[in-house]
Amino acid sequence: MTKVELAEKANISLSFLSDLTKDRANPSLRIMEAIANALETPLPILLEQTNLSEAEMKELMSVIPKSNLPEGLVRACGTLTKFQAYQVHLWDTENKKQVLIHKKRKEK
């Protein structure tokens, strides 16, 4: 994904995104959440390298973002072996196909 695409998906300006990547600006939590959602990545993953306290991290992780996924599906992250990651990749690929089918049905 390009910076232009990310800025569009996160609904932020390209200049602000460039400032963020060059350490010229500090994003709010709302901006971080928008970027995480645009990347389809849980916010805690973006915050792994942080100066936030453990209590602040727990508070952030306790908030479940509004999902655009069909009922019964969730996004999750974890530390896995290569084999486990492969299995998850297979499930993810199949579920993404199902999400597309669900979206197409909804549009009709």
PDB file of N, CA and C in Angstrom:
ATOM      1  N   MET A   1       0.849  -1.171   0.000  1.00  0.00           N
ATOM      2  CA  MET A   1       0.000   0.000   0.000  1.00  0.00           C
ATOM      3  C   MET A   1       0.899   1.240   0.000  1.00  0.00           C
ATOM      4  N   THR A   2       0.555   2.191  -0.827  1.00  0.00           N
ATOM      5  CA  THR A   2       1.338   3.424  -0.899  1.00  0.00           C
ATOM      6  C   THR A   2       0.894   4.392   0.194  1.00  0.00           C
ATOM      7  N   LYS A   3       1.696   5.422   0.408  1.00  0.00           N
ATOM      8  CA  LYS A   3       1.314   6.454   1.382  1.00  0.00           C
ATOM      9  C   LYS A   3       0.020   7.137   0.964  1.00  0.00           C
ATOM     10  N   VAL A   4      -0.141   7.352  -0.325  1.00  0.00           N
ATOM     11  CA  VAL A   4      -1.363   8.001  -0.827  1.00  0.00           C
ATOM     12  C   VAL A   4      -2.580   7.142  -0.492  1.00  0.00           C
ATOM     13  N   GLU A   5      -2.478   5.842  -0.756  1.00  0.00           N
ATOM     14  CA  GLU A   5      -3.589   4.928  -0.466  1.00  0.00           C
ATOM     15  C   GLU A   5      -3.877   4.875   1.030  1.00  0.00           C
ATOM     16  N   LEU A   6      -2.816   4.809   1.841  1.00  0.00           N
ATOM     17  CA  LEU A   6      -2.999   4.773   3.288  1.00  0.00           C
ATOM     18  C   LEU A   6      -3.662   6.048   3.784  1.00  0.00           C
ATOM     19  N   ALA A   7      -3.205   7.179   3.307  1.00  0.00           N
ATOM     20  CA  ALA A   7      -3.797   8.456   3.722  1.00  0.00           C
ATOM     21  C   ALA A   7      -5.280   8.498   3.368  1.00  0.00           C
ATOM     22  N   GLU A   8      -5.624   8.029   2.179  1.00  0.00           N
ATOM     23  CA  GLU A   8      -7.027   8.015   1.759  1.00  0.00           C
ATOM     24  C   GLU A   8      -7.854   7.083   2.633  1.00  0.00           C
ATOM     25  N   LYS A   9      -7.347   5.857   2.858  1.00  0.00           N
ATOM     26  CA  LYS A   9      -8.089   4.885   3.666  1.00  0.00           C
ATOM     27  C   LYS A   9      -8.254   5.349   5.106  1.00  0.00           C
ATOM     28  N   ALA A  10      -7.238   6.015   5.643  1.00  0.00           N
ATOM     29  CA  ALA A  10      -7.285   6.478   7.034  1.00  0.00           C
ATOM     30  C   ALA A  10      -7.969   7.836   7.157  1.00  0.00           C
ATOM     31  N   ASN A  11      -8.295   8.437   6.019  1.00  0.00           N
ATOM     32  CA  ASN A  11      -8.953   9.747   5.999  1.00  0.00           C
ATOM     33  C   ASN A  11      -8.099  10.823   6.676  1.00  0.00           C
ATOM     34  N   ILE A  12      -6.799  10.803   6.339  1.00  0.00           N
ATOM     35  CA  ILE A  12      -5.885  11.843   6.823  1.00  0.00           C
ATOM     36  C   ILE A  12      -5.149  12.413   5.613  1.00  0.00           C
ATOM     37  N   SER A  13      -4.582  13.580   5.775  1.00  0.00           N
ATOM     38  CA  SER A  13      -3.889  14.196   4.641  1.00  0.00           C
ATOM     39  C   SER A  13      -2.547  13.509   4.401  1.00  0.00           C
ATOM     40  N   LEU A  14      -2.138  13.518   3.160  1.00  0.00           N
ATOM     41  CA  LEU A  14      -0.845  12.937   2.796  1.00  0.00           C
ATOM     42  C   LEU A  14       0.291  13.684   3.479  1.00  0.00           C
ATOM     43  N   SER A  15       0.175  14.995   3.593  1.00  0.00           N
ATOM     44  CA  SER A  15       1.245  15.773   4.233  1.00  0.00           C
ATOM     45  C   SER A  15       1.370  15.404   5.711  1.00  0.00           C
ATOM     46  N   PHE A  16       0.232  15.184   6.389  1.00  0.00           N
ATOM     47  CA  PHE A  16       0.292  14.789   7.797  1.00  0.00           C
ATOM     48  C   PHE A  16       0.908  13.397   7.932  1.00  0.00           C
ATOM     49  N   LEU A  17       0.528  12.478   7.055  1.00  0.00           N
ATOM     50  CA  LEU A  17       1.110  11.139   7.085  1.00  0.00           C
ATOM     51  C   LEU A  17       2.612  11.208   6.856  1.00  0.00           C
ATOM     52  N   SER A  18       3.047  12.046   5.932  1.00  0.00           N
ATOM     53  CA  SER A  18       4.484  12.221   5.693  1.00  0.00           C
ATOM     54  C   SER A  18       5.181  12.771   6.927  1.00  0.00           C
ATOM     55  N   ASP A  19       4.542  13.735   7.593  1.00  0.00           N
ATOM     56  CA  ASP A  19       5.114  14.274   8.835  1.00  0.00           C
ATOM     57  C   ASP A  19       5.243  13.182   9.891  1.00  0.00           C
ATOM     58  N   LEU A  20       4.251  12.303   9.971  1.00  0.00           N
ATOM     59  CA  LEU A  20       4.307  11.205  10.946  1.00  0.00           C
ATOM     60  C   LEU A  20       5.476  10.276  10.655  1.00  0.00           C
ATOM     61  N   THR A  21       5.656   9.943   9.383  1.00  0.00           N
ATOM     62  CA  THR A  21       6.722   9.001   9.036  1.00  0.00           C
ATOM     63  C   THR A  21       8.110   9.600   9.189  1.00  0.00           C
ATOM     64  N   LYS A  22       8.190  10.929   9.243  1.00  0.00           N
ATOM     65  CA  LYS A  22       9.476  11.607   9.420  1.00  0.00           C
ATOM     66  C   LYS A  22       9.654  12.129  10.842  1.00  0.00           C
ATOM     67  N   ASP A  23       8.808  11.667  11.767  1.00  0.00           N
ATOM     68  CA  ASP A  23       8.859  12.085  13.179  1.00  0.00           C
ATOM     69  C   ASP A  23       8.727  13.590  13.350  1.00  0.00           C
ATOM     70  N   ARG A  24       7.949  14.226  12.498  1.00  0.00           N
ATOM     71  CA  ARG A  24       7.705  15.663  12.615  1.00  0.00           C
ATOM     72  C   ARG A  24       6.352  15.960  13.258  1.00  0.00           C
ATOM     73  N   ALA A  25       5.582  14.907  13.530  1.00  0.00           N
ATOM     74  CA  ALA A  25       4.259  15.081  14.138  1.00  0.00           C
ATOM     75  C   ALA A  25       3.970  13.893  15.038  1.00  0.00           C
ATOM     76  N   ASN A  26       3.089  14.107  16.002  1.00  0.00           N
ATOM     77  CA  ASN A  26       2.651  13.043  16.898  1.00  0.00           C
ATOM     78  C   ASN A  26       1.168  12.792  16.669  1.00  0.00           C
ATOM     79  N   PRO A  27       0.805  11.558  16.339  1.00  0.00           N
ATOM     80  CA  PRO A  27      -0.600  11.275  16.066  1.00  0.00           C
ATOM     81  C   PRO A  27      -1.412  11.134  17.354  1.00  0.00           C
ATOM     82  N   SER A  28      -2.664  11.521  17.270  1.00  0.00           N
ATOM     83  CA  SER A  28      -3.577  11.267  18.385  1.00  0.00           C
ATOM     84  C   SER A  28      -3.955   9.790  18.346  1.00  0.00           C
ATOM     85  N   LEU A  29      -4.575   9.333  19.401  1.00  0.00           N
ATOM     86  CA  LEU A  29      -5.031   7.948  19.439  1.00  0.00           C
ATOM     87  C   LEU A  29      -6.054   7.705  18.332  1.00  0.00           C
ATOM     88  N   ARG A  30      -6.885   8.686  18.064  1.00  0.00           N
ATOM     89  CA  ARG A  30      -7.889   8.560  16.997  1.00  0.00           C
ATOM     90  C   ARG A  30      -7.205   8.363  15.637  1.00  0.00           C
ATOM     91  N   ILE A  31      -6.133   9.106  15.387  1.00  0.00           N
ATOM     92  CA  ILE A  31      -5.393   8.963  14.124  1.00  0.00           C
ATOM     93  C   ILE A  31      -4.730   7.587  14.059  1.00  0.00           C
ATOM     94  N   MET A  32      -4.134   7.157  15.169  1.00  0.00           N
ATOM     95  CA  MET A  32      -3.508   5.831  15.206  1.00  0.00           C
ATOM     96  C   MET A  32      -4.538   4.742  14.921  1.00  0.00           C
ATOM     97  N   GLU A  33      -5.723   4.894  15.498  1.00  0.00           N
ATOM     98  CA  GLU A  33      -6.788   3.918  15.268  1.00  0.00           C
ATOM     99  C   GLU A  33      -7.205   3.919  13.797  1.00  0.00           C
ATOM    100  N   ALA A  34      -7.306   5.097  13.194  1.00  0.00           N
ATOM    101  CA  ALA A  34      -7.671   5.188  11.781  1.00  0.00           C
ATOM    102  C   ALA A  34      -6.617   4.517  10.898  1.00  0.00           C
ATOM    103  N   ILE A  35      -5.359   4.722  11.234  1.00  0.00           N
ATOM    104  CA  ILE A  35      -4.273   4.097  10.473  1.00  0.00           C
ATOM    105  C   ILE A  35      -4.310   2.581  10.656  1.00  0.00           C
ATOM    106  N   ALA A  36      -4.507   2.130  11.888  1.00  0.00           N
ATOM    107  CA  ALA A  36      -4.592   0.690  12.156  1.00  0.00           C
ATOM    108  C   ALA A  36      -5.744   0.066  11.376  1.00  0.00           C
ATOM    109  N   ASN A  37      -6.896   0.724  11.391  1.00  0.00           N
ATOM    110  CA  ASN A  37      -8.044   0.199  10.650  1.00  0.00           C
ATOM    111  C   ASN A  37      -7.768   0.172   9.154  1.00  0.00           C
ATOM    112  N   ALA A  38      -7.128   1.212   8.640  1.00  0.00           N
ATOM    113  CA  ALA A  38      -6.798   1.259   7.212  1.00  0.00           C
ATOM    114  C   ALA A  38      -5.845   0.126   6.835  1.00  0.00           C
ATOM    115  N   LEU A  39      -4.948  -0.205   7.746  1.00  0.00           N
ATOM    116  CA  LEU A  39      -3.990  -1.291   7.514  1.00  0.00           C
ATOM    117  C   LEU A  39      -4.563  -2.655   7.874  1.00  0.00           C
ATOM    118  N   GLU A  40      -5.794  -2.650   8.419  1.00  0.00           N
ATOM    119  CA  GLU A  40      -6.432  -3.875   8.906  1.00  0.00           C
ATOM    120  C   GLU A  40      -5.509  -4.596   9.884  1.00  0.00           C
ATOM    121  N   THR A  41      -4.976  -3.812  10.801  1.00  0.00           N
ATOM    122  CA  THR A  41      -4.032  -4.290  11.803  1.00  0.00           C
ATOM    123  C   THR A  41      -4.513  -3.844  13.176  1.00  0.00           C
ATOM    124  N   PRO A  42      -4.513  -4.735  14.165  1.00  0.00           N
ATOM    125  CA  PRO A  42      -4.910  -4.307  15.505  1.00  0.00           C
ATOM    126  C   PRO A  42      -3.994  -3.185  16.007  1.00  0.00           C
ATOM    127  N   LEU A  43      -4.590  -2.211  16.640  1.00  0.00           N
ATOM    128  CA  LEU A  43      -3.835  -1.064  17.143  1.00  0.00           C
ATOM    129  C   LEU A  43      -2.654  -1.475  18.024  1.00  0.00           C
ATOM    130  N   PRO A  44      -2.798  -2.458  18.918  1.00  0.00           N
ATOM    131  CA  PRO A  44      -1.644  -2.826  19.754  1.00  0.00           C
ATOM    132  C   PRO A  44      -0.405  -3.237  18.965  1.00  0.00           C
ATOM    133  N   ILE A  45      -0.601  -3.793  17.772  1.00  0.00           N
ATOM    134  CA  ILE A  45       0.552  -4.163  16.946  1.00  0.00           C
ATOM    135  C   ILE A  45       1.335  -2.911  16.559  1.00  0.00           C
ATOM    136  N   LEU A  46       0.615  -1.837  16.216  1.00  0.00           N
ATOM    137  CA  LEU A  46       1.296  -0.588  15.867  1.00  0.00           C
ATOM    138  C   LEU A  46       1.989   0.025  17.072  1.00  0.00           C
ATOM    139  N   LEU A  47       1.520  -0.326  18.246  1.00  0.00           N
ATOM    140  CA  LEU A  47       2.052   0.283  19.463  1.00  0.00           C
ATOM    141  C   LEU A  47       3.064  -0.597  20.190  1.00  0.00           C
ATOM    142  N   GLU A  48       3.488  -1.706  19.571  1.00  0.00           N
ATOM    143  CA  GLU A  48       4.428  -2.605  20.250  1.00  0.00           C
ATOM    144  C   GLU A  48       5.688  -1.883  20.703  1.00  0.00           C
ATOM    145  N   GLN A  49       6.226  -1.019  19.879  1.00  0.00           N
ATOM    146  CA  GLN A  49       7.399  -0.234  20.246  1.00  0.00           C
ATOM    147  C   GLN A  49       6.907   1.131  20.708  1.00  0.00           C
ATOM    148  N   THR A  50       6.713   1.269  21.994  1.00  0.00           N
ATOM    149  CA  THR A  50       6.097   2.488  22.505  1.00  0.00           C
ATOM    150  C   THR A  50       6.678   2.872  23.851  1.00  0.00           C
ATOM    151  N   ASN A  51       6.418   4.095  24.243  1.00  0.00           N
ATOM    152  CA  ASN A  51       6.819   4.541  25.571  1.00  0.00           C
ATOM    153  C   ASN A  51       5.612   4.627  26.503  1.00  0.00           C
ATOM    154  N   LEU A  52       4.468   4.039  26.086  1.00  0.00           N
ATOM    155  CA  LEU A  52       3.285   4.013  26.944  1.00  0.00           C
ATOM    156  C   LEU A  52       3.507   3.048  28.101  1.00  0.00           C
ATOM    157  N   SER A  53       2.884   3.352  29.216  1.00  0.00           N
ATOM    158  CA  SER A  53       2.990   2.463  30.374  1.00  0.00           C
ATOM    159  C   SER A  53       2.161   1.206  30.134  1.00  0.00           C
ATOM    160  N   GLU A  54       2.397   0.186  30.934  1.00  0.00           N
ATOM    161  CA  GLU A  54       1.644  -1.059  30.813  1.00  0.00           C
ATOM    162  C   GLU A  54       0.157  -0.812  31.054  1.00  0.00           C
ATOM    163  N   ALA A  55      -0.172   0.054  32.009  1.00  0.00           N
ATOM    164  CA  ALA A  55      -1.577   0.367  32.299  1.00  0.00           C
ATOM    165  C   ALA A  55      -2.242   1.035  31.097  1.00  0.00           C
ATOM    166  N   GLU A  56      -1.528   1.967  30.453  1.00  0.00           N
ATOM    167  CA  GLU A  56      -2.079   2.634  29.265  1.00  0.00           C
ATOM    168  C   GLU A  56      -2.286   1.637  28.125  1.00  0.00           C
ATOM    169  N   MET A  57      -1.344   0.722  27.964  1.00  0.00           N
ATOM    170  CA  MET A  57      -1.480  -0.290  26.916  1.00  0.00           C
ATOM    171  C   MET A  57      -2.683  -1.186  27.182  1.00  0.00           C
ATOM    172  N   LYS A  58      -2.869  -1.604  28.435  1.00  0.00           N
ATOM    173  CA  LYS A  58      -4.017  -2.450  28.775  1.00  0.00           C
ATOM    174  C   LYS A  58      -5.323  -1.725  28.492  1.00  0.00           C
ATOM    175  N   GLU A  59      -5.362  -0.442  28.806  1.00  0.00           N
ATOM    176  CA  GLU A  59      -6.573   0.345  28.549  1.00  0.00           C
ATOM    177  C   GLU A  59      -6.862   0.412  27.052  1.00  0.00           C
ATOM    178  N   LEU A  60      -5.835   0.653  26.254  1.00  0.00           N
ATOM    179  CA  LEU A  60      -6.018   0.703  24.805  1.00  0.00           C
ATOM    180  C   LEU A  60      -6.492  -0.636  24.253  1.00  0.00           C
ATOM    181  N   MET A  61      -5.931  -1.717  24.772  1.00  0.00           N
ATOM    182  CA  MET A  61      -6.269  -3.037  24.269  1.00  0.00           C
ATOM    183  C   MET A  61      -7.649  -3.492  24.715  1.00  0.00           C
ATOM    184  N   SER A  62      -8.208  -2.846  25.729  1.00  0.00           N
ATOM    185  CA  SER A  62      -9.528  -3.246  26.214  1.00  0.00           C
ATOM    186  C   SER A  62     -10.648  -2.711  25.335  1.00  0.00           C
ATOM    187  N   VAL A  63     -10.343  -1.731  24.501  1.00  0.00           N
ATOM    188  CA  VAL A  63     -11.353  -1.142  23.619  1.00  0.00           C
ATOM    189  C   VAL A  63     -11.429  -1.962  22.341  1.00  0.00           C
ATOM    190  N   ILE A  64     -12.607  -2.457  22.048  1.00  0.00           N
ATOM    191  CA  ILE A  64     -12.792  -3.246  20.839  1.00  0.00           C
ATOM    192  C   ILE A  64     -13.299  -2.318  19.742  1.00  0.00           C
ATOM    193  N   PRO A  65     -12.504  -2.126  18.693  1.00  0.00           N
ATOM    194  CA  PRO A  65     -12.941  -1.214  17.632  1.00  0.00           C
ATOM    195  C   PRO A  65     -14.159  -1.760  16.899  1.00  0.00           C
ATOM    196  N   LYS A  66     -14.958  -0.848  16.372  1.00  0.00           N
ATOM    197  CA  LYS A  66     -16.115  -1.240  15.589  1.00  0.00           C
ATOM    198  C   LYS A  66     -15.619  -2.012  14.375  1.00  0.00           C
ATOM    199  N   SER A  67     -16.183  -3.168  14.171  1.00  0.00           N
ATOM    200  CA  SER A  67     -15.725  -4.026  13.089  1.00  0.00           C
ATOM    201  C   SER A  67     -16.609  -3.874  11.862  1.00  0.00           C
ATOM    202  N   ASN A  68     -15.982  -3.953  10.716  1.00  0.00           N
ATOM    203  CA  ASN A  68     -16.737  -3.983   9.477  1.00  0.00           C
ATOM    204  C   ASN A  68     -16.870  -5.417   8.976  1.00  0.00           C
ATOM    205  N   LEU A  69     -16.580  -6.365   9.847  1.00  0.00           N
ATOM    206  CA  LEU A  69     -16.675  -7.774   9.493  1.00  0.00           C
ATOM    207  C   LEU A  69     -18.077  -8.299   9.771  1.00  0.00           C
ATOM    208  N   PRO A  70     -18.492  -9.330   9.037  1.00  0.00           N
ATOM    209  CA  PRO A  70     -19.785  -9.946   9.327  1.00  0.00           C
ATOM    210  C   PRO A  70     -19.793 -10.545  10.735  1.00  0.00           C
ATOM    211  N   GLU A  71     -20.988 -10.686  11.270  1.00  0.00           N
ATOM    212  CA  GLU A  71     -21.129 -11.251  12.615  1.00  0.00           C
ATOM    213  C   GLU A  71     -20.476 -12.630  12.668  1.00  0.00           C
ATOM    214  N   GLY A  72     -19.777 -12.883  13.753  1.00  0.00           N
ATOM    215  CA  GLY A  72     -19.116 -14.169  13.938  1.00  0.00           C
ATOM    216  C   GLY A  72     -17.643 -14.168  13.570  1.00  0.00           C
ATOM    217  N   LEU A  73     -17.183 -13.101  12.919  1.00  0.00           N
ATOM    218  CA  LEU A  73     -15.770 -13.000  12.565  1.00  0.00           C
ATOM    219  C   LEU A  73     -15.116 -11.890  13.376  1.00  0.00           C
ATOM    220  N   VAL A  74     -13.872 -12.099  13.755  1.00  0.00           N
ATOM    221  CA  VAL A  74     -13.099 -11.099  14.493  1.00  0.00           C
ATOM    222  C   VAL A  74     -11.698 -11.050  13.902  1.00  0.00           C
ATOM    223  N   ARG A  75     -11.010  -9.942  14.147  1.00  0.00           N
ATOM    224  CA  ARG A  75      -9.586  -9.864  13.817  1.00  0.00           C
ATOM    225  C   ARG A  75      -8.830 -10.163  15.101  1.00  0.00           C
ATOM    226  N   ALA A  76      -7.739 -10.897  14.974  1.00  0.00           N
ATOM    227  CA  ALA A  76      -6.953 -11.246  16.149  1.00  0.00           C
ATOM    228  C   ALA A  76      -5.477 -11.217  15.782  1.00  0.00           C
ATOM    229  N   CYS A  77      -4.641 -11.094  16.790  1.00  0.00           N
ATOM    230  CA  CYS A  77      -3.208 -11.139  16.547  1.00  0.00           C
ATOM    231  C   CYS A  77      -2.567 -11.982  17.636  1.00  0.00           C
ATOM    232  N   GLY A  78      -1.421 -12.513  17.346  1.00  0.00           N
ATOM    233  CA  GLY A  78      -0.734 -13.322  18.334  1.00  0.00           C
ATOM    234  C   GLY A  78       0.645 -13.714  17.832  1.00  0.00           C
ATOM    235  N   THR A  79       1.378 -14.368  18.685  1.00  0.00           N
ATOM    236  CA  THR A  79       2.698 -14.873  18.341  1.00  0.00           C
ATOM    237  C   THR A  79       2.556 -16.359  18.053  1.00  0.00           C
ATOM    238  N   LEU A  80       2.976 -16.762  16.863  1.00  0.00           N
ATOM    239  CA  LEU A  80       2.741 -18.123  16.406  1.00  0.00           C
ATOM    240  C   LEU A  80       4.014 -18.760  15.878  1.00  0.00           C
ATOM    241  N   THR A  81       4.003 -20.088  15.849  1.00  0.00           N
ATOM    242  CA  THR A  81       5.072 -20.794  15.147  1.00  0.00           C
ATOM    243  C   THR A  81       4.824 -20.624  13.648  1.00  0.00           C
ATOM    244  N   LYS A  82       5.799 -20.966  12.851  1.00  0.00           N
ATOM    245  CA  LYS A  82       5.621 -20.849  11.399  1.00  0.00           C
ATOM    246  C   LYS A  82       4.464 -21.721  10.918  1.00  0.00           C
ATOM    247  N   PHE A  83       4.348 -22.919  11.470  1.00  0.00           N
ATOM    248  CA  PHE A  83       3.254 -23.802  11.063  1.00  0.00           C
ATOM    249  C   PHE A  83       1.909 -23.218  11.467  1.00  0.00           C
ATOM    250  N   GLN A  84       1.811 -22.707  12.686  1.00  0.00           N
ATOM    251  CA  GLN A  84       0.563 -22.095  13.127  1.00  0.00           C
ATOM    252  C   GLN A  84       0.212 -20.898  12.249  1.00  0.00           C
ATOM    253  N   ALA A  85       1.211 -20.097  11.912  1.00  0.00           N
ATOM    254  CA  ALA A  85       0.973 -18.937  11.050  1.00  0.00           C
ATOM    255  C   ALA A  85       0.477 -19.382   9.678  1.00  0.00           C
ATOM    256  N   TYR A  86       1.014 -20.472   9.178  1.00  0.00           N
ATOM    257  CA  TYR A  86       0.560 -21.010   7.898  1.00  0.00           C
ATOM    258  C   TYR A  86      -0.907 -21.419   7.985  1.00  0.00           C
ATOM    259  N   GLN A  87      -1.264 -22.113   9.048  1.00  0.00           N
ATOM    260  CA  GLN A  87      -2.662 -22.525   9.245  1.00  0.00           C
ATOM    261  C   GLN A  87      -3.578 -21.306   9.306  1.00  0.00           C
ATOM    262  N   VAL A  88      -3.174 -20.312  10.065  1.00  0.00           N
ATOM    263  CA  VAL A  88      -3.976 -19.094  10.191  1.00  0.00           C
ATOM    264  C   VAL A  88      -4.103 -18.415   8.830  1.00  0.00           C
ATOM    265  N   HIS A  89      -3.022 -18.404   8.062  1.00  0.00           N
ATOM    266  CA  HIS A  89      -3.063 -17.811   6.721  1.00  0.00           C
ATOM    267  C   HIS A  89      -4.108 -18.514   5.852  1.00  0.00           C
ATOM    268  N   LEU A  90      -4.157 -19.837   5.910  1.00  0.00           N
ATOM    269  CA  LEU A  90      -5.150 -20.582   5.130  1.00  0.00           C
ATOM    270  C   LEU A  90      -6.567 -20.213   5.563  1.00  0.00           C
ATOM    271  N   TRP A  91      -6.801 -20.167   6.874  1.00  0.00           N
ATOM    272  CA  TRP A  91      -8.129 -19.800   7.379  1.00  0.00           C
ATOM    273  C   TRP A  91      -8.482 -18.376   6.964  1.00  0.00           C
ATOM    274  N   ASP A  92      -7.504 -17.486   7.077  1.00  0.00           N
ATOM    275  CA  ASP A  92      -7.723 -16.085   6.732  1.00  0.00           C
ATOM    276  C   ASP A  92      -8.105 -15.940   5.261  1.00  0.00           C
ATOM    277  N   THR A  93      -7.398 -16.650   4.404  1.00  0.00           N
ATOM    278  CA  THR A  93      -7.695 -16.589   2.971  1.00  0.00           C
ATOM    279  C   THR A  93      -9.125 -17.039   2.700  1.00  0.00           C
ATOM    280  N   GLU A  94      -9.529 -18.136   3.300  1.00  0.00           N
ATOM    281  CA  GLU A  94     -10.892 -18.640   3.104  1.00  0.00           C
ATOM    282  C   GLU A  94     -11.925 -17.673   3.675  1.00  0.00           C
ATOM    283  N   ASN A  95     -11.662 -17.138   4.848  1.00  0.00           N
ATOM    284  CA  ASN A  95     -12.612 -16.202   5.456  1.00  0.00           C
ATOM    285  C   ASN A  95     -12.738 -14.915   4.650  1.00  0.00           C
ATOM    286  N   LYS A  96     -11.637 -14.446   4.070  1.00  0.00           N
ATOM    287  CA  LYS A  96     -11.710 -13.239   3.235  1.00  0.00           C
ATOM    288  C   LYS A  96     -12.596 -13.484   2.018  1.00  0.00           C
ATOM    289  N   LYS A  97     -12.530 -14.686   1.460  1.00  0.00           N
ATOM    290  CA  LYS A  97     -13.423 -15.026   0.349  1.00  0.00           C
ATOM    291  C   LYS A  97     -14.876 -14.958   0.812  1.00  0.00           C
ATOM    292  N   GLN A  98     -15.139 -15.493   2.010  1.00  0.00           N
ATOM    293  CA  GLN A  98     -16.502 -15.481   2.545  1.00  0.00           C
ATOM    294  C   GLN A  98     -16.983 -14.059   2.819  1.00  0.00           C
ATOM    295  N   VAL A  99     -16.095 -13.199   3.290  1.00  0.00           N
ATOM    296  CA  VAL A  99     -16.456 -11.799   3.546  1.00  0.00           C
ATOM    297  C   VAL A  99     -16.840 -11.119   2.236  1.00  0.00           C
ATOM    298  N   LEU A 100     -16.086 -11.370   1.171  1.00  0.00           N
ATOM    299  CA  LEU A 100     -16.414 -10.782  -0.133  1.00  0.00           C
ATOM    300  C   LEU A 100     -17.776 -11.258  -0.625  1.00  0.00           C
ATOM    301  N   ILE A 101     -18.053 -12.537  -0.456  1.00  0.00           N
ATOM    302  CA  ILE A 101     -19.360 -13.079  -0.841  1.00  0.00           C
ATOM    303  C   ILE A 101     -20.455 -12.399  -0.033  1.00  0.00           C
ATOM    304  N   HIS A 102     -20.225 -12.248   1.264  1.00  0.00           N
ATOM    305  CA  HIS A 102     -21.197 -11.592   2.151  1.00  0.00           C
ATOM    306  C   HIS A 102     -21.446 -10.149   1.711  1.00  0.00           C
ATOM    307  N   LYS A 103     -20.381  -9.420   1.382  1.00  0.00           N
ATOM    308  CA  LYS A 103     -20.519  -8.024   0.949  1.00  0.00           C
ATOM    309  C   LYS A 103     -21.301  -7.925  -0.353  1.00  0.00           C
ATOM    310  N   LYS A 104     -21.030  -8.832  -1.290  1.00  0.00           N
ATOM    311  CA  LYS A 104     -21.740  -8.813  -2.571  1.00  0.00           C
ATOM    312  C   LYS A 104     -23.226  -9.083  -2.369  1.00  0.00           C
ATOM    313  N   ARG A 105     -23.554 -10.009  -1.476  1.00  0.00           N
ATOM    314  CA  ARG A 105     -24.966 -10.297  -1.188  1.00  0.00           C
ATOM    315  C   ARG A 105     -25.647  -9.089  -0.562  1.00  0.00           C
ATOM    316  N   LYS A 106     -24.929  -8.402   0.310  1.00  0.00           N
ATOM    317  CA  LYS A 106     -25.474  -7.230   0.995  1.00  0.00           C
ATOM    318  C   LYS A 106     -25.761  -6.095   0.021  1.00  0.00           C
ATOM    319  N   GLU A 107     -24.915  -5.964  -1.006  1.00  0.00           N
ATOM    320  CA  GLU A 107     -25.060  -4.891  -1.989  1.00  0.00           C
ATOM    321  C   GLU A 107     -26.262  -5.095  -2.899  1.00  0.00           C
ATOM    322  N   LYS A 108     -26.712  -6.318  -3.039  1.00  0.00           N
ATOM    323  CA  LYS A 108     -27.851  -6.607  -3.940  1.00  0.00           C
ATOM    324  C   LYS A 108     -29.166  -6.183  -3.361  1.00  0.00           C
TER     325      LYS A 108
END
